[in-house]
Amino acid sequence: MKLTEVCAIAKSRSIAPAKLSKSELIKLIQRREGNFDCFATAVNGECDQTNCLWRADCVVADD
C-alpha cells in the first residue's frame, strides 16, 4: 500500500498524517483502532493476524 493510500485511511479516521513515516502512521492507526501497534514487527516474516489490513506490507517492511 502506498503512503498516499495510508494517509487517506488516516484522514478517514480523523488522524492527521503530519510528518510521520508510513510505519509510524500505520502504528498510530492501529492504536487508534484499539489494536496492537505491531506493524513491521513480525519475526522471520511470520504473523498470525491474517485479517489485518496491513498484512501484505507488514511482513515485507524493513524499517
PDB file of N, CA and C in Angstrom:
ATOM      1  N   MET A   1       0.848  -1.168   0.000  1.00  0.00           N
ATOM      2  CA  MET A   1       0.000   0.000   0.000  1.00  0.00           C
ATOM      3  C   MET A   1       0.904   1.246   0.000  1.00  0.00           C
ATOM      4  N   LYS A   2       0.575   2.178  -0.836  1.00  0.00           N
ATOM      5  CA  LYS A   2       1.379   3.399  -0.938  1.00  0.00           C
ATOM      6  C   LYS A   2       1.066   4.354   0.210  1.00  0.00           C
ATOM      7  N   LEU A   3       2.017   5.229   0.506  1.00  0.00           N
ATOM      8  CA  LEU A   3       1.849   6.191   1.592  1.00  0.00           C
ATOM      9  C   LEU A   3       0.616   7.054   1.382  1.00  0.00           C
ATOM     10  N   THR A   4       0.324   7.424   0.150  1.00  0.00           N
ATOM     11  CA  THR A   4      -0.857   8.251  -0.107  1.00  0.00           C
ATOM     12  C   THR A   4      -2.137   7.521   0.298  1.00  0.00           C
ATOM     13  N   GLU A   5      -2.172   6.211   0.083  1.00  0.00           N
ATOM     14  CA  GLU A   5      -3.334   5.415   0.485  1.00  0.00           C
ATOM     15  C   GLU A   5      -3.447   5.343   2.007  1.00  0.00           C
ATOM     16  N   VAL A   6      -2.300   5.188   2.677  1.00  0.00           N
ATOM     17  CA  VAL A   6      -2.288   5.139   4.141  1.00  0.00           C
ATOM     18  C   VAL A   6      -2.740   6.482   4.706  1.00  0.00           C
ATOM     19  N   CYS A   7      -2.294   7.569   4.098  1.00  0.00           N
ATOM     20  CA  CYS A   7      -2.710   8.908   4.540  1.00  0.00           C
ATOM     21  C   CYS A   7      -4.218   9.090   4.369  1.00  0.00           C
ATOM     22  N   ALA A   8      -4.767   8.591   3.280  1.00  0.00           N
ATOM     23  CA  ALA A   8      -6.210   8.694   3.058  1.00  0.00           C
ATOM     24  C   ALA A   8      -6.979   7.906   4.116  1.00  0.00           C
ATOM     25  N   ILE A   9      -6.482   6.739   4.476  1.00  0.00           N
ATOM     26  CA  ILE A   9      -7.119   5.935   5.527  1.00  0.00           C
ATOM     27  C   ILE A   9      -7.037   6.685   6.851  1.00  0.00           C
ATOM     28  N   ALA A  10      -5.877   7.262   7.131  1.00  0.00           N
ATOM     29  CA  ALA A  10      -5.705   8.023   8.371  1.00  0.00           C
ATOM     30  C   ALA A  10      -6.695   9.186   8.424  1.00  0.00           C
ATOM     31  N   LYS A  11      -6.786   9.928   7.354  1.00  0.00           N
ATOM     32  CA  LYS A  11      -7.701  11.073   7.314  1.00  0.00           C
ATOM     33  C   LYS A  11      -9.149  10.638   7.493  1.00  0.00           C
ATOM     34  N   SER A  12      -9.494   9.487   6.940  1.00  0.00           N
ATOM     35  CA  SER A  12     -10.870   8.990   7.082  1.00  0.00           C
ATOM     36  C   SER A  12     -11.185   8.603   8.524  1.00  0.00           C
ATOM     37  N   ARG A  13     -10.143   8.437   9.319  1.00  0.00           N
ATOM     38  CA  ARG A  13     -10.301   8.109  10.732  1.00  0.00           C
ATOM     39  C   ARG A  13      -9.956   9.313  11.629  1.00  0.00           C
ATOM     40  N   SER A  14      -9.980  10.500  11.033  1.00  0.00           N
ATOM     41  CA  SER A  14      -9.701  11.765  11.735  1.00  0.00           C
ATOM     42  C   SER A  14      -8.307  11.803  12.357  1.00  0.00           C
ATOM     43  N   ILE A  15      -7.340  11.253  11.648  1.00  0.00           N
ATOM     44  CA  ILE A  15      -5.942  11.282  12.076  1.00  0.00           C
ATOM     45  C   ILE A  15      -5.179  12.136  11.079  1.00  0.00           C
ATOM     46  N   ALA A  16      -4.483  13.152  11.579  1.00  0.00           N
ATOM     47  CA  ALA A  16      -3.664  13.999  10.713  1.00  0.00           C
ATOM     48  C   ALA A  16      -2.326  13.307  10.467  1.00  0.00           C
ATOM     49  N   PRO A  17      -2.002  13.004   9.214  1.00  0.00           N
ATOM     50  CA  PRO A  17      -0.772  12.285   8.909  1.00  0.00           C
ATOM     51  C   PRO A  17       0.509  13.009   9.328  1.00  0.00           C
ATOM     52  N   ALA A  18       0.465  14.343   9.373  1.00  0.00           N
ATOM     53  CA  ALA A  18       1.640  15.150   9.759  1.00  0.00           C
ATOM     54  C   ALA A  18       2.868  14.708   8.978  1.00  0.00           C
ATOM     55  N   LYS A  19       3.987  14.578   9.660  1.00  0.00           N
ATOM     56  CA  LYS A  19       5.242  14.187   9.003  1.00  0.00           C
ATOM     57  C   LYS A  19       5.687  12.809   9.481  1.00  0.00           C
ATOM     58  N   LEU A  20       4.743  11.917   9.652  1.00  0.00           N
ATOM     59  CA  LEU A  20       5.044  10.575  10.116  1.00  0.00           C
ATOM     60  C   LEU A  20       5.482   9.692   8.954  1.00  0.00           C
ATOM     61  N   SER A  21       6.340   8.741   9.258  1.00  0.00           N
ATOM     62  CA  SER A  21       6.705   7.759   8.242  1.00  0.00           C
ATOM     63  C   SER A  21       5.526   6.823   8.034  1.00  0.00           C
ATOM     64  N   LYS A  22       5.580   6.040   7.003  1.00  0.00           N
ATOM     65  CA  LYS A  22       4.497   5.090   6.721  1.00  0.00           C
ATOM     66  C   LYS A  22       4.303   4.147   7.910  1.00  0.00           C
ATOM     67  N   SER A  23       5.386   3.610   8.439  1.00  0.00           N
ATOM     68  CA  SER A  23       5.294   2.687   9.578  1.00  0.00           C
ATOM     69  C   SER A  23       4.708   3.361  10.807  1.00  0.00           C
ATOM     70  N   GLU A  24       5.157   4.571  11.105  1.00  0.00           N
ATOM     71  CA  GLU A  24       4.649   5.297  12.267  1.00  0.00           C
ATOM     72  C   GLU A  24       3.158   5.592  12.118  1.00  0.00           C
ATOM     73  N   LEU A  25       2.754   5.963  10.921  1.00  0.00           N
ATOM     74  CA  LEU A  25       1.356   6.280  10.664  1.00  0.00           C
ATOM     75  C   LEU A  25       0.479   5.035  10.802  1.00  0.00           C
ATOM     76  N   ILE A  26       0.922   3.925  10.265  1.00  0.00           N
ATOM     77  CA  ILE A  26       0.159   2.685  10.377  1.00  0.00           C
ATOM     78  C   ILE A  26       0.035   2.268  11.843  1.00  0.00           C
ATOM     79  N   LYS A  27       1.112   2.375  12.596  1.00  0.00           N
ATOM     80  CA  LYS A  27       1.060   2.026  14.021  1.00  0.00           C
ATOM     81  C   LYS A  27       0.097   2.936  14.779  1.00  0.00           C
ATOM     82  N   LEU A  28       0.060   4.207  14.428  1.00  0.00           N
ATOM     83  CA  LEU A  28      -0.876   5.136  15.059  1.00  0.00           C
ATOM     84  C   LEU A  28      -2.323   4.744  14.730  1.00  0.00           C
ATOM     85  N   ILE A  29      -2.575   4.400  13.481  1.00  0.00           N
ATOM     86  CA  ILE A  29      -3.910   3.951  13.088  1.00  0.00           C
ATOM     87  C   ILE A  29      -4.284   2.693  13.871  1.00  0.00           C
ATOM     88  N   GLN A  30      -3.357   1.756  13.979  1.00  0.00           N
ATOM     89  CA  GLN A  30      -3.625   0.525  14.724  1.00  0.00           C
ATOM     90  C   GLN A  30      -4.001   0.832  16.175  1.00  0.00           C
ATOM     91  N   ARG A  31      -3.251   1.724  16.818  1.00  0.00           N
ATOM     92  CA  ARG A  31      -3.548   2.085  18.216  1.00  0.00           C
ATOM     93  C   ARG A  31      -4.915   2.747  18.340  1.00  0.00           C
ATOM     94  N   ARG A  32      -5.208   3.670  17.439  1.00  0.00           N
ATOM     95  CA  ARG A  32      -6.490   4.380  17.493  1.00  0.00           C
ATOM     96  C   ARG A  32      -7.668   3.443  17.281  1.00  0.00           C
ATOM     97  N   GLU A  33      -7.438   2.356  16.538  1.00  0.00           N
ATOM     98  CA  GLU A  33      -8.494   1.369  16.306  1.00  0.00           C
ATOM     99  C   GLU A  33      -8.629   0.400  17.483  1.00  0.00           C
ATOM    100  N   GLY A  34      -7.740   0.512  18.461  1.00  0.00           N
ATOM    101  CA  GLY A  34      -7.783  -0.383  19.611  1.00  0.00           C
ATOM    102  C   GLY A  34      -7.031  -1.684  19.392  1.00  0.00           C
ATOM    103  N   ASN A  35      -6.172  -1.698  18.382  1.00  0.00           N
ATOM    104  CA  ASN A  35      -5.387  -2.896  18.076  1.00  0.00           C
ATOM    105  C   ASN A  35      -3.950  -2.735  18.552  1.00  0.00           C
ATOM    106  N   PHE A  36      -3.208  -3.820  18.528  1.00  0.00           N
ATOM    107  CA  PHE A  36      -1.785  -3.754  18.839  1.00  0.00           C
ATOM    108  C   PHE A  36      -1.091  -2.999  17.725  1.00  0.00           C
ATOM    109  N   ASP A  37      -0.118  -2.179  18.065  1.00  0.00           N
ATOM    110  CA  ASP A  37       0.636  -1.450  17.036  1.00  0.00           C
ATOM    111  C   ASP A  37       1.845  -2.293  16.642  1.00  0.00           C
ATOM    112  N   CYS A  38       1.556  -3.380  15.959  1.00  0.00           N
ATOM    113  CA  CYS A  38       2.575  -4.388  15.672  1.00  0.00           C
ATOM    114  C   CYS A  38       3.139  -4.310  14.252  1.00  0.00           C
ATOM    115  N   PHE A  39       2.788  -3.295  13.488  1.00  0.00           N
ATOM    116  CA  PHE A  39       3.244  -3.222  12.098  1.00  0.00           C
ATOM    117  C   PHE A  39       4.756  -3.330  12.003  1.00  0.00           C
ATOM    118  N   ALA A  40       5.222  -4.179  11.124  1.00  0.00           N
ATOM    119  CA  ALA A  40       6.649  -4.396  10.828  1.00  0.00           C
ATOM    120  C   ALA A  40       7.421  -4.985  12.002  1.00  0.00           C
ATOM    121  N   THR A  41       6.736  -5.707  12.866  1.00  0.00           N
ATOM    122  CA  THR A  41       7.433  -6.343  13.983  1.00  0.00           C
ATOM    123  C   THR A  41       7.406  -7.864  13.898  1.00  0.00           C
ATOM    124  N   ALA A  42       6.892  -8.402  12.793  1.00  0.00           N
ATOM    125  CA  ALA A  42       6.834  -9.855  12.631  1.00  0.00           C
ATOM    126  C   ALA A  42       8.247 -10.442  12.640  1.00  0.00           C
ATOM    127  N   VAL A  43       8.391 -11.550  13.321  1.00  0.00           N
ATOM    128  CA  VAL A  43       9.687 -12.223  13.396  1.00  0.00           C
ATOM    129  C   VAL A  43       9.759 -13.261  12.280  1.00  0.00           C
ATOM    130  N   ASN A  44      10.818 -13.208  11.503  1.00  0.00           N
ATOM    131  CA  ASN A  44      11.018 -14.127  10.385  1.00  0.00           C
ATOM    132  C   ASN A  44       9.855 -14.110   9.394  1.00  0.00           C
ATOM    133  N   GLY A  45       9.205 -12.957   9.262  1.00  0.00           N
ATOM    134  CA  GLY A  45       8.117 -12.820   8.304  1.00  0.00           C
ATOM    135  C   GLY A  45       6.858 -13.572   8.673  1.00  0.00           C
ATOM    136  N   GLU A  46       6.735 -13.977   9.939  1.00  0.00           N
ATOM    137  CA  GLU A  46       5.559 -14.727  10.367  1.00  0.00           C
ATOM    138  C   GLU A  46       4.641 -13.852  11.212  1.00  0.00           C
ATOM    139  N   CYS A  47       3.369 -13.875  10.870  1.00  0.00           N
ATOM    140  CA  CYS A  47       2.365 -13.084  11.566  1.00  0.00           C
ATOM    141  C   CYS A  47       1.071 -13.876  11.622  1.00  0.00           C
ATOM    142  N   ASP A  48       0.443 -13.902  12.787  1.00  0.00           N
ATOM    143  CA  ASP A  48      -0.798 -14.662  12.930  1.00  0.00           C
ATOM    144  C   ASP A  48      -2.050 -13.804  12.724  1.00  0.00           C
ATOM    145  N   GLN A  49      -1.876 -12.552  12.366  1.00  0.00           N
ATOM    146  CA  GLN A  49      -3.001 -11.639  12.148  1.00  0.00           C
ATOM    147  C   GLN A  49      -3.426 -11.692  10.677  1.00  0.00           C
ATOM    148  N   THR A  50      -4.125 -12.763  10.319  1.00  0.00           N
ATOM    149  CA  THR A  50      -4.450 -12.999   8.911  1.00  0.00           C
ATOM    150  C   THR A  50      -5.470 -12.026   8.334  1.00  0.00           C
ATOM    151  N   ASN A  51      -6.265 -11.371   9.161  1.00  0.00           N
ATOM    152  CA  ASN A  51      -7.277 -10.436   8.666  1.00  0.00           C
ATOM    153  C   ASN A  51      -6.844  -8.979   8.748  1.00  0.00           C
ATOM    154  N   CYS A  52      -5.597  -8.727   9.000  1.00  0.00           N
ATOM    155  CA  CYS A  52      -5.087  -7.369   9.162  1.00  0.00           C
ATOM    156  C   CYS A  52      -4.995  -6.651   7.810  1.00  0.00           C
ATOM    157  N   LEU A  53      -5.457  -5.425   7.786  1.00  0.00           N
ATOM    158  CA  LEU A  53      -5.406  -4.601   6.578  1.00  0.00           C
ATOM    159  C   LEU A  53      -3.968  -4.376   6.101  1.00  0.00           C
ATOM    160  N   TRP A  54      -3.037  -4.367   7.009  1.00  0.00           N
ATOM    161  CA  TRP A  54      -1.644  -4.026   6.707  1.00  0.00           C
ATOM    162  C   TRP A  54      -0.764  -5.246   6.449  1.00  0.00           C
ATOM    163  N   ARG A  55      -1.298  -6.440   6.519  1.00  0.00           N
ATOM    164  CA  ARG A  55      -0.511  -7.668   6.479  1.00  0.00           C
ATOM    165  C   ARG A  55       0.446  -7.752   5.275  1.00  0.00           C
ATOM    166  N   ALA A  56      -0.014  -7.445   4.095  1.00  0.00           N
ATOM    167  CA  ALA A  56       0.841  -7.577   2.905  1.00  0.00           C
ATOM    168  C   ALA A  56       2.086  -6.706   2.999  1.00  0.00           C
ATOM    169  N   ASP A  57       1.958  -5.504   3.543  1.00  0.00           N
ATOM    170  CA  ASP A  57       3.111  -4.616   3.698  1.00  0.00           C
ATOM    171  C   ASP A  57       3.918  -4.973   4.931  1.00  0.00           C
ATOM    172  N   CYS A  58       3.266  -5.455   5.939  1.00  0.00           N
ATOM    173  CA  CYS A  58       3.902  -5.694   7.234  1.00  0.00           C
ATOM    174  C   CYS A  58       5.022  -6.725   7.149  1.00  0.00           C
ATOM    175  N   VAL A  59       4.762  -7.839   6.543  1.00  0.00           N
ATOM    176  CA  VAL A  59       5.755  -8.916   6.540  1.00  0.00           C
ATOM    177  C   VAL A  59       6.942  -8.634   5.624  1.00  0.00           C
ATOM    178  N   VAL A  60       6.844  -7.604   4.795  1.00  0.00           N
ATOM    179  CA  VAL A  60       7.972  -7.241   3.932  1.00  0.00           C
ATOM    180  C   VAL A  60       8.608  -5.916   4.343  1.00  0.00           C
ATOM    181  N   ALA A  61       8.020  -5.221   5.321  1.00  0.00           N
ATOM    182  CA  ALA A  61       8.555  -3.931   5.740  1.00  0.00           C
ATOM    183  C   ALA A  61       9.925  -4.101   6.356  1.00  0.00           C
ATOM    184  N   ASP A  62      10.783  -3.152   6.058  1.00  0.00           N
ATOM    185  CA  ASP A  62      12.135  -3.269   6.589  1.00  0.00           C
ATOM    186  C   ASP A  62      12.577  -2.055   7.381  1.00  0.00           C
ATOM    187  N   ASP A  63      11.613  -1.235   7.854  1.00  0.00           N
ATOM    188  CA  ASP A  63      12.058  -0.107   8.683  1.00  0.00           C
ATOM    189  C   ASP A  63      11.506  -0.160  10.049  1.00  0.00           C
TER     190      ASP A  63
END
